[in-house]
Amino acid sequence: MERTVSKTLEDIRSAILEIDSFFETRSRRYDVYLADVCLRRAVERNITIIGEAMNRLLKLAPDIEITAARRIVDTRNYVIHGYDSVTDDIIWGIVMRHLPLLKTEVEKLLEPTP
């Protein structure tokens, strides 16, 4: 795997792990998420990092096998440009439903090949 591709995959994994780390000291519940504006902004920031990294990755390796890669980039654009219409439930849904799959796919791509 090209070094730039693996670095970009590492950036995605790092952002996901950072989001996961936010819930090491607090319950992974929607009401907890809603009650903490700093937590919400930190999660949103990492989602934008994931989206930007995915955008770069698609330019480096357009055929990379990541589910909904283009939608991840679109989400980044939505969070940044549509900030006034982003709802907490959308971001929470991404955290709960989509990031676990993305994490698994990225980790699989980063595994050394024999």
C-alpha atoms as a PDB file:
ATOM      1  CA  MET A   1       0.000   0.000   0.000  1.00  0.00           C
ATOM      2  CA  GLU A   2       1.255   3.453  -0.882  1.00  0.00           C
ATOM      3  CA  ARG A   3       2.531   5.419   2.110  1.00  0.00           C
ATOM      4  CA  THR A   4       0.178   8.360   1.494  1.00  0.00           C
ATOM      5  CA  VAL A   5      -2.828   6.027   1.380  1.00  0.00           C
ATOM      6  CA  SER A   6      -1.889   4.332   4.638  1.00  0.00           C
ATOM      7  CA  LYS A   7      -1.255   7.726   6.304  1.00  0.00           C
ATOM      8  CA  THR A   8      -4.697   8.914   5.249  1.00  0.00           C
ATOM      9  CA  LEU A   9      -6.305   5.712   6.521  1.00  0.00           C
ATOM     10  CA  GLU A  10      -4.460   6.252   9.805  1.00  0.00           C
ATOM     11  CA  ASP A  11      -5.911   9.777  10.000  1.00  0.00           C
ATOM     12  CA  ILE A  12      -9.414   8.327   9.638  1.00  0.00           C
ATOM     13  CA  ARG A  13      -8.764   5.666  12.252  1.00  0.00           C
ATOM     14  CA  SER A  14      -7.284   8.245  14.626  1.00  0.00           C
ATOM     15  CA  ALA A  15     -10.379  10.472  14.362  1.00  0.00           C
ATOM     16  CA  ILE A  16     -12.664   7.493  15.019  1.00  0.00           C
ATOM     17  CA  LEU A  17     -10.573   6.425  18.020  1.00  0.00           C
ATOM     18  CA  GLU A  18     -10.695   9.965  19.361  1.00  0.00           C
ATOM     19  CA  ILE A  19     -14.490   9.961  19.142  1.00  0.00           C
ATOM     20  CA  ASP A  20     -14.514   6.595  20.921  1.00  0.00           C
ATOM     21  CA  SER A  21     -12.248   8.013  23.635  1.00  0.00           C
ATOM     22  CA  PHE A  22     -14.779  10.739  24.430  1.00  0.00           C
ATOM     23  CA  PHE A  23     -17.073   8.024  25.765  1.00  0.00           C
ATOM     24  CA  GLU A  24     -14.514   6.324  27.995  1.00  0.00           C
ATOM     25  CA  THR A  25     -15.456   8.614  30.872  1.00  0.00           C
ATOM     26  CA  ARG A  26     -19.109   9.189  30.036  1.00  0.00           C
ATOM     27  CA  SER A  27     -22.010   7.031  29.029  1.00  0.00           C
ATOM     28  CA  ARG A  28     -22.562   6.475  25.304  1.00  0.00           C
ATOM     29  CA  ARG A  29     -26.118   7.803  25.428  1.00  0.00           C
ATOM     30  CA  TYR A  30     -27.840  10.416  23.314  1.00  0.00           C
ATOM     31  CA  ASP A  31     -28.966  12.484  26.318  1.00  0.00           C
ATOM     32  CA  VAL A  32     -25.371  12.639  27.578  1.00  0.00           C
ATOM     33  CA  TYR A  33     -24.224  13.704  24.118  1.00  0.00           C
ATOM     34  CA  LEU A  34     -26.918  16.398  23.931  1.00  0.00           C
ATOM     35  CA  ALA A  35     -26.058  17.816  27.347  1.00  0.00           C
ATOM     36  CA  ASP A  36     -22.417  18.555  26.477  1.00  0.00           C
ATOM     37  CA  VAL A  37     -21.819  21.197  23.803  1.00  0.00           C
ATOM     38  CA  CYS A  38     -18.037  20.639  23.894  1.00  0.00           C
ATOM     39  CA  LEU A  39     -18.549  16.934  23.252  1.00  0.00           C
ATOM     40  CA  ARG A  40     -20.890  17.659  20.349  1.00  0.00           C
ATOM     41  CA  ARG A  41     -18.435  20.075  18.735  1.00  0.00           C
ATOM     42  CA  ALA A  42     -15.516  17.678  19.242  1.00  0.00           C
ATOM     43  CA  VAL A  43     -17.451  14.858  17.572  1.00  0.00           C
ATOM     44  CA  GLU A  44     -18.463  17.131  14.690  1.00  0.00           C
ATOM     45  CA  ARG A  45     -14.837  18.224  14.240  1.00  0.00           C
ATOM     46  CA  ASN A  46     -13.659  14.635  14.007  1.00  0.00           C
ATOM     47  CA  ILE A  47     -16.404  13.798  11.534  1.00  0.00           C
ATOM     48  CA  THR A  48     -15.187  16.642   9.321  1.00  0.00           C
ATOM     49  CA  ILE A  49     -11.622  15.316   9.615  1.00  0.00           C
ATOM     50  CA  ILE A  50     -12.842  11.870   8.582  1.00  0.00           C
ATOM     51  CA  GLY A  51     -14.672  13.367   5.610  1.00  0.00           C
ATOM     52  CA  GLU A  52     -11.691  15.419   4.464  1.00  0.00           C
ATOM     53  CA  ALA A  53      -9.368  12.448   4.805  1.00  0.00           C
ATOM     54  CA  MET A  54     -11.833  10.321   2.829  1.00  0.00           C
ATOM     55  CA  ASN A  55     -11.916  12.966   0.105  1.00  0.00           C
ATOM     56  CA  ARG A  56      -8.115  12.815  -0.153  1.00  0.00           C
ATOM     57  CA  LEU A  57      -8.186   9.036  -0.047  1.00  0.00           C
ATOM     58  CA  LEU A  58     -10.637   8.835  -2.946  1.00  0.00           C
ATOM     59  CA  LYS A  59      -8.260  10.964  -5.016  1.00  0.00           C
ATOM     60  CA  LEU A  60      -5.313   8.707  -4.147  1.00  0.00           C
ATOM     61  CA  ALA A  61      -7.140   5.375  -4.446  1.00  0.00           C
ATOM     62  CA  PRO A  62     -10.502   5.818  -6.218  1.00  0.00           C
ATOM     63  CA  ASP A  63     -11.260   2.096  -6.106  1.00  0.00           C
ATOM     64  CA  ILE A  64     -10.711   1.687  -2.375  1.00  0.00           C
ATOM     65  CA  GLU A  65     -13.301  -0.577  -0.813  1.00  0.00           C
ATOM     66  CA  ILE A  66     -14.979   1.529   1.845  1.00  0.00           C
ATOM     67  CA  THR A  67     -18.741   1.449   2.205  1.00  0.00           C
ATOM     68  CA  ALA A  68     -20.377   4.775   1.340  1.00  0.00           C
ATOM     69  CA  ALA A  69     -17.046   6.578   0.875  1.00  0.00           C
ATOM     70  CA  ARG A  70     -18.631   9.329  -1.210  1.00  0.00           C
ATOM     71  CA  ARG A  71     -21.390   9.811   1.395  1.00  0.00           C
ATOM     72  CA  ILE A  72     -18.719  10.287   4.054  1.00  0.00           C
ATOM     73  CA  VAL A  73     -17.269  13.170   2.027  1.00  0.00           C
ATOM     74  CA  ASP A  74     -20.769  14.569   1.507  1.00  0.00           C
ATOM     75  CA  THR A  75     -21.344  14.449   5.267  1.00  0.00           C
ATOM     76  CA  ARG A  76     -18.197  16.497   5.826  1.00  0.00           C
ATOM     77  CA  ASN A  77     -19.466  19.098   3.370  1.00  0.00           C
ATOM     78  CA  TYR A  78     -22.867  19.119   5.024  1.00  0.00           C
ATOM     79  CA  VAL A  79     -21.416  19.638   8.506  1.00  0.00           C
ATOM     80  CA  ILE A  80     -19.147  22.456   7.333  1.00  0.00           C
ATOM     81  CA  HIS A  81     -21.393  24.263   4.867  1.00  0.00           C
ATOM     82  CA  GLY A  82     -24.786  23.419   6.316  1.00  0.00           C
ATOM     83  CA  TYR A  83     -23.757  23.936   9.924  1.00  0.00           C
ATOM     84  CA  ASP A  84     -27.020  25.725  10.680  1.00  0.00           C
ATOM     85  CA  SER A  85     -29.105  22.762   9.579  1.00  0.00           C
ATOM     86  CA  VAL A  86     -27.051  19.909  11.059  1.00  0.00           C
ATOM     87  CA  THR A  87     -29.071  18.231  13.760  1.00  0.00           C
ATOM     88  CA  ASP A  88     -27.683  16.416  16.763  1.00  0.00           C
ATOM     89  CA  ASP A  89     -29.621  13.263  15.927  1.00  0.00           C
ATOM     90  CA  ILE A  90     -27.939  13.047  12.506  1.00  0.00           C
ATOM     91  CA  ILE A  91     -24.473  13.291  14.037  1.00  0.00           C
ATOM     92  CA  TRP A  92     -25.413  10.825  16.781  1.00  0.00           C
ATOM     93  CA  GLY A  93     -26.697   8.382  14.168  1.00  0.00           C
ATOM     94  CA  ILE A  94     -23.361   8.572  12.369  1.00  0.00           C
ATOM     95  CA  VAL A  95     -21.494   7.864  15.595  1.00  0.00           C
ATOM     96  CA  MET A  96     -23.682   4.912  16.529  1.00  0.00           C
ATOM     97  CA  ARG A  97     -24.441   3.310  13.167  1.00  0.00           C
ATOM     98  CA  HIS A  98     -21.767   4.246  10.661  1.00  0.00           C
ATOM     99  CA  LEU A  99     -18.471   4.765  12.483  1.00  0.00           C
ATOM    100  CA  PRO A 100     -18.199   1.170  13.767  1.00  0.00           C
ATOM    101  CA  LEU A 101     -18.357  -0.183  10.198  1.00  0.00           C
ATOM    102  CA  LEU A 102     -15.919   2.440   8.920  1.00  0.00           C
ATOM    103  CA  LYS A 103     -13.501   1.616  11.738  1.00  0.00           C
ATOM    104  CA  THR A 104     -13.635  -2.094  10.862  1.00  0.00           C
ATOM    105  CA  GLU A 105     -13.074  -1.421   7.153  1.00  0.00           C
ATOM    106  CA  VAL A 106     -10.177   0.976   7.759  1.00  0.00           C
ATOM    107  CA  GLU A 107      -8.486  -1.393  10.193  1.00  0.00           C
ATOM    108  CA  LYS A 108      -8.799  -4.226   7.692  1.00  0.00           C
ATOM    109  CA  LEU A 109      -7.214  -2.080   4.970  1.00  0.00           C
ATOM    110  CA  LEU A 110      -4.361  -1.181   7.321  1.00  0.00           C
ATOM    111  CA  GLU A 111      -3.570  -4.820   8.129  1.00  0.00           C
ATOM    112  CA  PRO A 112      -0.231  -5.876   6.714  1.00  0.00           C
ATOM    113  CA  THR A 113      -0.505  -8.119   3.708  1.00  0.00           C
ATOM    114  CA  PRO A 114       1.543 -11.318   3.714  1.00  0.00           C
END
